[in-house]
Protein backbone atom coordinates (compact mmCIF):
# COMPACT_ATOMS: atom_id res chain seq x y z
CA MET A 1 -0.53 104.15 82.42
CA LEU A 2 2.71 105.92 81.40
CA THR A 3 5.96 103.79 80.81
CA LYS A 4 9.57 104.60 79.84
CA ALA A 5 8.84 104.25 76.11
CA ASP A 6 6.28 107.33 76.36
CA ASP A 7 9.31 109.65 76.57
CA PHE A 8 10.39 108.44 73.04
CA PRO A 9 8.64 109.96 69.93
CA ILE A 10 7.32 106.36 68.82
CA HIS A 11 3.67 106.58 69.44
CA GLN A 12 1.22 105.16 66.81
CA THR A 13 -2.03 105.88 68.35
CA PRO A 14 -3.30 108.55 70.85
CA GLU A 15 -2.97 105.98 73.66
CA PRO A 16 0.24 105.33 75.81
CA ILE A 17 2.68 102.71 74.51
CA ALA A 18 1.54 100.24 77.11
CA PHE A 19 -1.76 99.81 75.22
CA SER A 20 -1.13 97.99 71.89
CA GLY A 21 -4.58 98.12 70.04
CA THR A 22 -7.26 95.78 71.08
CA ASP A 23 -6.23 92.27 69.92
CA ARG A 24 -5.28 90.10 72.95
CA ASN A 25 -2.75 88.21 70.55
CA PHE A 26 -0.61 91.26 69.86
CA TYR A 27 3.18 90.45 70.29
CA ASP A 28 6.56 91.98 69.73
CA ARG A 29 9.49 89.58 69.36
CA TYR A 30 13.38 89.36 68.95
CA PHE A 31 14.86 86.23 67.48
CA PHE A 32 18.65 85.35 66.95
CA ASN A 33 20.72 82.35 65.71
CA GLY A 34 24.45 81.98 65.25
CA TYR A 35 26.68 79.30 64.13
CA THR A 36 30.07 78.31 62.69
CA ARG A 37 30.11 77.64 59.01
CA ASP A 38 30.70 73.93 59.59
CA GLY A 39 27.87 73.82 62.18
CA ASP A 40 29.92 72.51 65.21
CA VAL A 41 28.57 75.23 67.30
CA PHE A 42 25.06 76.68 67.23
CA PHE A 43 23.12 79.05 69.41
CA ALA A 44 19.72 80.74 69.43
CA ALA A 45 17.94 83.36 71.43
CA ALA A 46 14.44 84.90 71.47
CA LEU A 47 12.55 87.37 73.73
CA GLY A 48 8.81 88.03 73.46
CA VAL A 49 6.60 90.74 74.61
CA TYR A 50 2.75 89.99 74.96
CA PRO A 51 1.21 93.28 76.08
CA HIS A 52 -2.39 92.20 76.54
CA LEU A 53 -1.43 89.17 78.47
CA ASN A 54 1.17 91.37 80.48
CA ILE A 55 3.85 88.70 80.19
CA MET A 56 7.40 88.82 78.78
CA ASP A 57 9.37 85.55 78.15
CA ALA A 58 12.75 84.49 76.61
CA SER A 59 14.88 81.55 75.86
CA PHE A 60 18.46 80.77 75.06
CA CYS A 61 19.79 77.66 73.47
CA VAL A 62 23.13 76.30 72.48
CA ILE A 63 24.20 73.07 70.56
CA VAL A 64 27.63 71.63 71.16
CA ASP A 65 28.78 68.11 70.76
CA GLY A 66 25.24 67.18 69.51
CA VAL A 67 23.54 68.12 72.70
CA GLN A 68 20.82 70.84 72.70
CA ARG A 69 20.59 72.83 75.89
CA ASN A 70 17.56 75.24 76.51
CA ILE A 71 16.99 77.80 79.15
CA HIS A 72 13.56 79.20 79.44
CA ALA A 73 12.36 82.20 81.42
CA SER A 74 9.18 84.15 81.93
CA ARG A 75 7.94 87.26 84.06
CA PHE A 76 5.17 89.57 84.46
CA LEU A 77 5.61 92.40 82.02
CA ASN A 78 4.13 95.05 84.39
CA MET A 79 3.07 97.00 81.18
CA GLU A 80 6.71 98.17 80.93
CA ARG A 81 7.93 97.17 77.44
CA MET A 82 11.34 98.87 77.61
CA ASP A 83 12.89 96.67 80.06
CA THR A 84 14.07 93.82 77.73
CA HIS A 85 15.33 91.43 80.41
CA VAL A 86 13.64 88.08 81.59
CA GLY A 87 15.42 86.41 84.26
CA PRO A 88 19.16 85.87 83.31
CA ILE A 89 18.31 86.72 79.64
CA SER A 90 18.38 90.21 78.32
CA ILE A 91 18.55 91.98 74.88
CA GLU A 92 20.14 95.33 74.33
CA VAL A 93 19.90 97.48 71.07
CA VAL A 94 23.45 98.87 70.93
CA GLU A 95 22.76 100.63 67.45
CA PRO A 96 19.35 100.31 65.89
CA LEU A 97 19.13 98.29 62.64
CA GLN A 98 22.89 97.35 62.93
CA CYS A 99 24.24 96.05 66.36
CA LEU A 100 22.43 94.29 69.21
CA ARG A 101 23.72 92.52 72.31
CA VAL A 102 22.42 89.18 73.81
CA LEU A 103 23.32 88.52 77.58
CA VAL A 104 22.86 85.46 79.80
CA ALA A 105 23.75 86.20 83.30
CA ASP A 106 24.76 83.61 86.10
CA ASN A 107 22.00 81.10 86.80
CA GLU A 108 21.54 77.74 88.39
CA TYR A 109 21.85 75.98 85.03
CA GLY A 110 25.57 76.95 84.39
CA ILE A 111 25.18 78.45 80.90
CA THR A 112 26.09 82.12 80.56
CA ALA A 113 26.94 84.26 77.35
CA ASP A 114 27.82 87.67 76.26
CA LEU A 115 27.21 88.01 72.50
CA THR A 116 27.08 90.99 70.06
CA PHE A 117 25.65 90.80 66.57
CA ARG A 118 26.64 93.17 63.75
CA GLY A 119 24.73 93.16 60.42
CA ARG A 120 26.66 91.90 57.35
CA ALA A 121 23.89 93.46 55.28
CA PRO A 122 20.89 95.86 55.99
CA ALA A 123 17.96 94.87 57.82
CA LEU A 124 15.19 93.97 55.24
CA LYS A 125 11.44 94.32 55.56
CA GLU A 126 9.51 91.15 54.33
CA PRO A 127 6.08 91.21 52.81
CA ARG A 128 3.35 91.64 55.52
CA PHE A 129 2.03 88.28 56.68
CA THR A 130 -1.80 88.24 56.83
CA ARG A 131 -3.72 85.10 57.03
CA ARG A 132 -7.21 84.12 58.15
CA ASN A 133 -8.55 80.91 59.55
CA GLY A 134 -12.10 81.07 58.28
CA PRO A 135 -13.60 84.24 59.79
CA ARG A 136 -10.90 84.53 62.32
CA LEU A 137 -7.56 86.45 61.93
CA MET A 138 -4.69 84.09 62.61
CA MET A 139 -1.83 86.32 61.50
CA ASP A 140 -1.19 89.84 60.85
CA LEU A 141 2.44 90.95 61.27
CA THR A 142 5.44 92.48 59.95
CA ARG A 143 8.87 91.15 60.08
CA MET A 144 12.51 92.36 59.36
CA THR A 145 15.39 90.07 58.83
CA GLN A 146 19.04 90.63 58.92
CA ASN A 147 22.15 88.45 58.58
CA GLY A 148 25.21 89.18 60.52
CA ASP A 149 28.33 88.13 62.32
CA TRP A 150 28.91 87.55 66.06
CA GLU A 151 31.60 88.14 68.70
CA GLY A 152 31.81 87.33 72.36
CA TRP A 153 31.53 84.18 74.37
CA ILE A 154 29.43 81.33 75.73
CA GLU A 155 30.09 79.31 78.81
CA ILE A 156 28.70 76.01 79.58
CA LYS A 157 29.66 75.05 83.10
CA ASP A 158 33.39 75.45 83.05
CA THR A 159 33.95 75.37 79.33
CA ARG A 160 34.26 78.61 77.48
CA ILE A 161 33.57 79.07 73.89
CA GLU A 162 35.11 82.13 72.14
CA ILE A 163 32.82 83.68 69.60
CA THR A 164 34.61 85.45 66.92
CA ARG A 165 33.43 87.59 63.87
CA ASP A 166 35.56 85.76 61.35
CA ALA A 167 34.07 82.25 62.47
CA PHE A 168 30.54 82.91 63.51
CA VAL A 169 27.63 84.29 61.27
CA GLY A 170 23.89 84.15 61.73
CA THR A 171 20.55 85.75 61.45
CA ARG A 172 18.22 88.02 63.59
CA ASP A 173 14.70 89.00 62.96
CA ARG A 174 12.13 91.30 64.54
CA SER A 175 8.42 90.79 64.21
CA TRP A 176 5.41 92.33 65.54
CA GLY A 177 1.64 92.02 65.08
CA VAL A 178 -0.87 89.33 65.70
CA ARG A 179 -0.47 85.67 65.83
CA PRO A 180 -1.79 82.98 68.32
CA VAL A 181 0.01 83.49 71.80
CA GLY A 182 -0.89 82.33 75.27
CA ALA A 183 -3.74 80.01 76.13
CA GLN A 184 -6.05 78.84 73.24
CA ASP A 185 -9.43 80.48 72.97
CA ALA A 186 -12.08 78.94 75.25
CA GLN A 187 -14.48 79.01 72.33
CA PRO A 188 -13.25 77.50 69.14
CA MET A 189 -14.70 78.29 65.79
CA VAL A 190 -17.72 76.32 64.46
CA PRO A 191 -17.68 74.34 62.25
CA PRO A 192 -14.31 73.09 63.20
CA MET A 193 -11.52 73.81 60.58
CA PRO A 194 -8.57 71.60 60.08
CA PHE A 195 -5.31 73.42 60.75
CA GLN A 196 -2.90 73.70 57.67
CA PHE A 197 0.41 75.64 57.78
CA TYR A 198 3.34 75.14 55.32
CA TRP A 199 6.40 77.31 56.22
CA LEU A 200 10.03 77.33 54.77
CA TRP A 201 12.52 79.93 55.53
CA ALA A 202 16.10 79.96 54.61
CA PRO A 203 18.42 82.85 55.49
CA LEU A 204 21.86 81.93 54.11
CA ASN A 205 25.35 83.53 54.63
CA PHE A 206 28.11 83.35 51.72
CA GLU A 207 31.43 85.16 51.80
CA ASP A 208 30.37 88.06 49.55
CA ARG A 209 26.66 88.20 49.83
CA ILE A 210 23.56 86.94 51.78
CA THR A 211 20.28 85.48 50.54
CA LEU A 212 16.96 85.43 52.00
CA PHE A 213 13.94 83.02 51.05
CA HIS A 214 10.62 82.17 52.49
CA VAL A 215 7.29 80.76 51.53
CA ASN A 216 3.96 80.16 53.08
CA ASP A 217 1.83 77.68 51.05
CA ASP A 218 -1.79 76.87 51.33
CA GLU A 219 -2.84 73.10 50.99
CA HIS A 220 -2.85 73.25 47.19
CA GLY A 221 0.78 74.52 47.10
CA GLU A 222 -0.26 78.11 46.28
CA PRO A 223 2.02 80.47 47.98
CA TRP A 224 0.19 83.16 50.02
CA ASN A 225 3.51 84.83 51.24
CA LEU A 226 6.63 84.42 49.11
CA SER A 227 9.92 86.21 48.93
CA GLY A 228 13.45 85.75 47.65
CA VAL A 229 16.19 88.38 48.19
CA MET A 230 19.93 88.44 47.27
CA CYS A 231 22.12 91.22 48.84
CA PRO A 232 25.83 92.22 48.80
CA LEU A 233 27.40 92.88 52.04
CA GLY A 234 27.54 96.29 53.67
CA ARG A 235 25.27 98.37 55.67
CA ASP A 236 24.24 100.44 52.86
CA ALA A 237 23.96 97.66 50.33
CA LYS A 238 21.04 97.57 47.90
CA PRO A 239 19.08 94.20 47.97
CA GLU A 240 17.69 92.70 44.78
CA GLU A 241 14.17 91.47 45.16
CA MET A 242 13.62 88.30 42.97
CA ASP A 243 10.90 88.32 40.41
CA ARG A 244 10.23 84.71 40.47
CA VAL A 245 10.95 82.32 43.35
CA ARG A 246 10.21 78.75 43.94
CA SER A 247 11.60 75.72 45.96
CA GLU A 248 11.81 71.93 45.68
CA LEU A 249 12.13 69.63 48.88
CA GLN A 250 13.39 66.12 49.23
CA PHE A 251 11.93 64.80 52.39
CA ALA A 252 13.54 62.12 54.58
CA SER A 253 11.46 58.96 54.37
CA GLY A 254 8.98 58.53 57.27
CA SER A 255 8.97 62.33 58.40
CA ARG A 256 8.07 65.84 57.38
CA HIS A 257 11.68 67.13 57.58
CA ALA A 258 13.77 67.77 54.45
CA LYS A 259 16.88 66.05 53.77
CA SER A 260 17.81 68.53 51.05
CA ALA A 261 16.19 71.34 49.12
CA SER A 262 16.64 73.73 46.04
CA ILE A 263 15.73 77.27 45.75
CA PHE A 264 15.30 78.95 42.52
CA PHE A 265 15.65 82.84 41.94
CA GLU A 266 14.97 84.70 38.77
CA ASN A 267 15.46 88.42 38.66
CA ARG A 268 13.54 90.79 36.28
CA LYS A 269 16.19 90.46 33.53
CA GLY A 270 15.51 86.77 33.58
CA ASP A 271 18.96 85.74 35.11
CA LYS A 272 18.53 82.59 37.06
CA THR A 273 20.35 81.42 40.40
CA ARG A 274 20.10 78.06 41.89
CA ILE A 275 20.95 77.35 45.51
CA ASP A 276 21.06 73.61 46.81
CA LEU A 277 20.81 72.82 50.37
CA THR A 278 21.91 69.85 52.33
CA ALA A 279 20.64 69.38 55.80
CA LYS A 280 23.20 68.32 58.33
CA TRP A 281 21.12 68.20 61.78
CA ASN A 282 18.20 69.80 63.17
CA PHE A 283 17.87 72.52 65.83
CA TYR A 284 14.50 72.05 67.66
CA MET A 285 12.53 75.24 67.86
CA MET A 286 10.76 74.14 70.99
CA GLY A 287 13.92 75.34 72.73
CA LEU A 288 12.68 78.81 71.99
CA GLY A 289 9.25 78.11 73.12
CA TYR A 290 7.62 77.29 69.63
CA GLY A 291 5.21 74.54 70.33
CA HIS A 292 6.72 73.79 73.69
CA PRO A 293 4.26 71.82 75.95
CA GLU A 294 5.08 73.89 78.91
CA TRP A 295 6.98 76.98 77.76
CA SER A 296 4.94 78.17 74.88
CA HIS A 297 5.03 81.76 73.94
CA GLY A 298 2.99 83.87 76.32
CA ALA A 299 2.21 80.97 78.69
CA HIS A 300 1.48 82.06 82.19
CA LYS A 301 4.23 80.54 84.20
CA GLY A 302 4.13 83.02 87.06
CA ASP A 303 6.53 85.77 87.80
CA ASN A 304 10.35 85.19 87.52
CA ALA A 305 9.92 81.58 86.50
CA LEU A 306 12.87 79.65 85.04
CA GLY A 307 13.10 76.18 83.39
CA TYR A 308 15.81 74.01 81.49
CA GLU A 309 16.13 70.86 79.40
CA GLU A 310 18.65 69.15 77.57
CA PHE A 311 18.83 66.33 74.94
CA ARG A 312 20.99 64.70 72.43
CA LEU A 313 19.84 65.40 68.86
CA ALA A 314 20.57 61.83 67.91
CA ASP A 315 17.99 60.67 70.35
CA VAL A 316 15.05 62.53 68.81
CA LYS A 317 13.53 59.99 66.46
CA ASP A 318 10.12 61.72 66.08
CA TYR A 319 9.01 64.54 63.72
CA ALA A 320 5.57 64.97 65.56
CA PRO A 321 5.32 68.15 68.01
CA PRO A 322 7.09 69.44 69.95
CA TYR A 323 9.80 68.19 67.42
CA LEU A 324 7.97 69.22 64.13
CA HIS A 325 9.12 72.69 64.07
CA ILE A 326 12.87 72.87 63.32
CA GLN A 327 15.67 74.88 61.88
CA ALA A 328 17.91 72.45 59.89
CA PHE A 329 21.43 73.39 59.60
CA VAL A 330 22.33 73.36 56.01
CA LYS A 331 25.46 73.76 53.80
CA ALA A 332 24.51 75.78 50.69
CA GLU A 333 25.92 75.67 47.12
CA MET A 334 24.89 78.67 44.95
CA THR A 335 25.17 78.40 41.20
CA LEU A 336 25.02 81.95 39.67
CA PRO A 337 23.79 82.98 36.33
CA ASP A 338 27.31 82.96 34.89
CA GLY A 339 27.70 79.49 36.14
CA SER A 340 30.19 80.39 38.96
CA THR A 341 29.62 78.92 42.38
CA ARG A 342 29.70 80.01 46.08
CA GLU A 343 29.72 77.94 49.15
CA GLY A 344 27.66 78.99 52.05
CA ALA A 345 25.77 77.92 55.31
CA GLY A 346 22.55 78.86 57.10
CA ILE A 347 19.46 77.24 58.20
CA LEU A 348 16.14 75.85 56.53
CA GLU A 349 13.35 76.38 58.91
CA GLN A 350 10.47 74.06 58.44
CA MET A 351 6.87 73.83 59.94
CA ILE A 352 4.56 71.65 57.87
CA ILE A 353 1.29 70.83 59.21
CA GLY A 354 -1.78 69.42 57.59
CA PRO A 355 -2.29 68.69 53.72
CA HIS A 356 0.16 70.07 51.07
CA ALA A 357 -0.62 68.64 47.78
CA PRO A 358 2.86 69.02 46.02
CA SER A 359 4.55 67.31 48.83
CA GLY A 360 2.09 64.53 48.88
CA PHE A 361 0.69 65.13 52.39
CA LYS A 362 -3.07 64.56 52.83
CA ASP A 363 -3.61 64.64 56.63
CA ILE A 364 -2.48 66.59 59.71
CA LEU A 365 0.89 64.76 60.09
CA ASP A 366 1.19 61.89 57.61
CA PRO A 367 4.71 61.28 56.69
CA ALA A 368 6.67 61.30 53.31
CA LYS A 369 6.95 57.94 51.82
């Protein structure tokens, strides 16, 4: 089947773009977040394409006055991957690798938006994520991340929030490849293997630079994917990849969520930078479909399905799914090798399931003491 993408010189195989290899878990995804530097307004959006499931879905979330509001949408892809709209939510690439637009059209839930993202620094490719669960490939994907600023507006019923580039910053990413999507496999592996996943991600915005950090650890605390980057501002800026990277977390008692964290960078010359993070509140990633019991990524909801929920952040007392996977809004203090400091803000994404020896976790969801 020919689609709109076939008129662009982007093919990677002899087949039409509608066919993306053979793995049913192949996906292609946009993610965005934006926030004021003091965290009083936060928004996030995502759009996912699942070619072998023939589904496209999207979500838009906004947090104001301590209330998280989530719009979910899903439709049949019909093998046309160039039409990046799902219900009221759409993504437009204005300038590749630099400027994108997120739109939320009129809908029954009274949340609309017109938001434009522009990079403060280049889009940066992360190390390839490849992970097996026994004999089965669980993840094999590439991701690029970019920090930027925002302009536009959001309306929540009759309240309009003006989004200006001097006040709102954030992060976007694009990832594509293989990871679990849609319904679970009917035949699980034998013998059963306990699931373990330790993930931290901290894209941070400072006045004169951005930093990126992420780590995937195994149950022993050994990283199988690790990266730390510092980059000055500007579309042609040159990022500095760190030679040594590590992190330390202080967990809130009775949970698996961090109350604070420290990130340590060391470059090839031995210069050391420390970034201390203080968590202020949590954005719950289920709003974007991550681990959502009904609106999970690639779920078959029917054509042109739409859903909504809202809740007060203060009312969430649990750390178990669907509230385990979070982006904590954090204030950041960076101490550079010369002793000077920078103040910034960002998020610390956390998803920690199963044992992790350095954290003292021994079971699937035992809490910090």
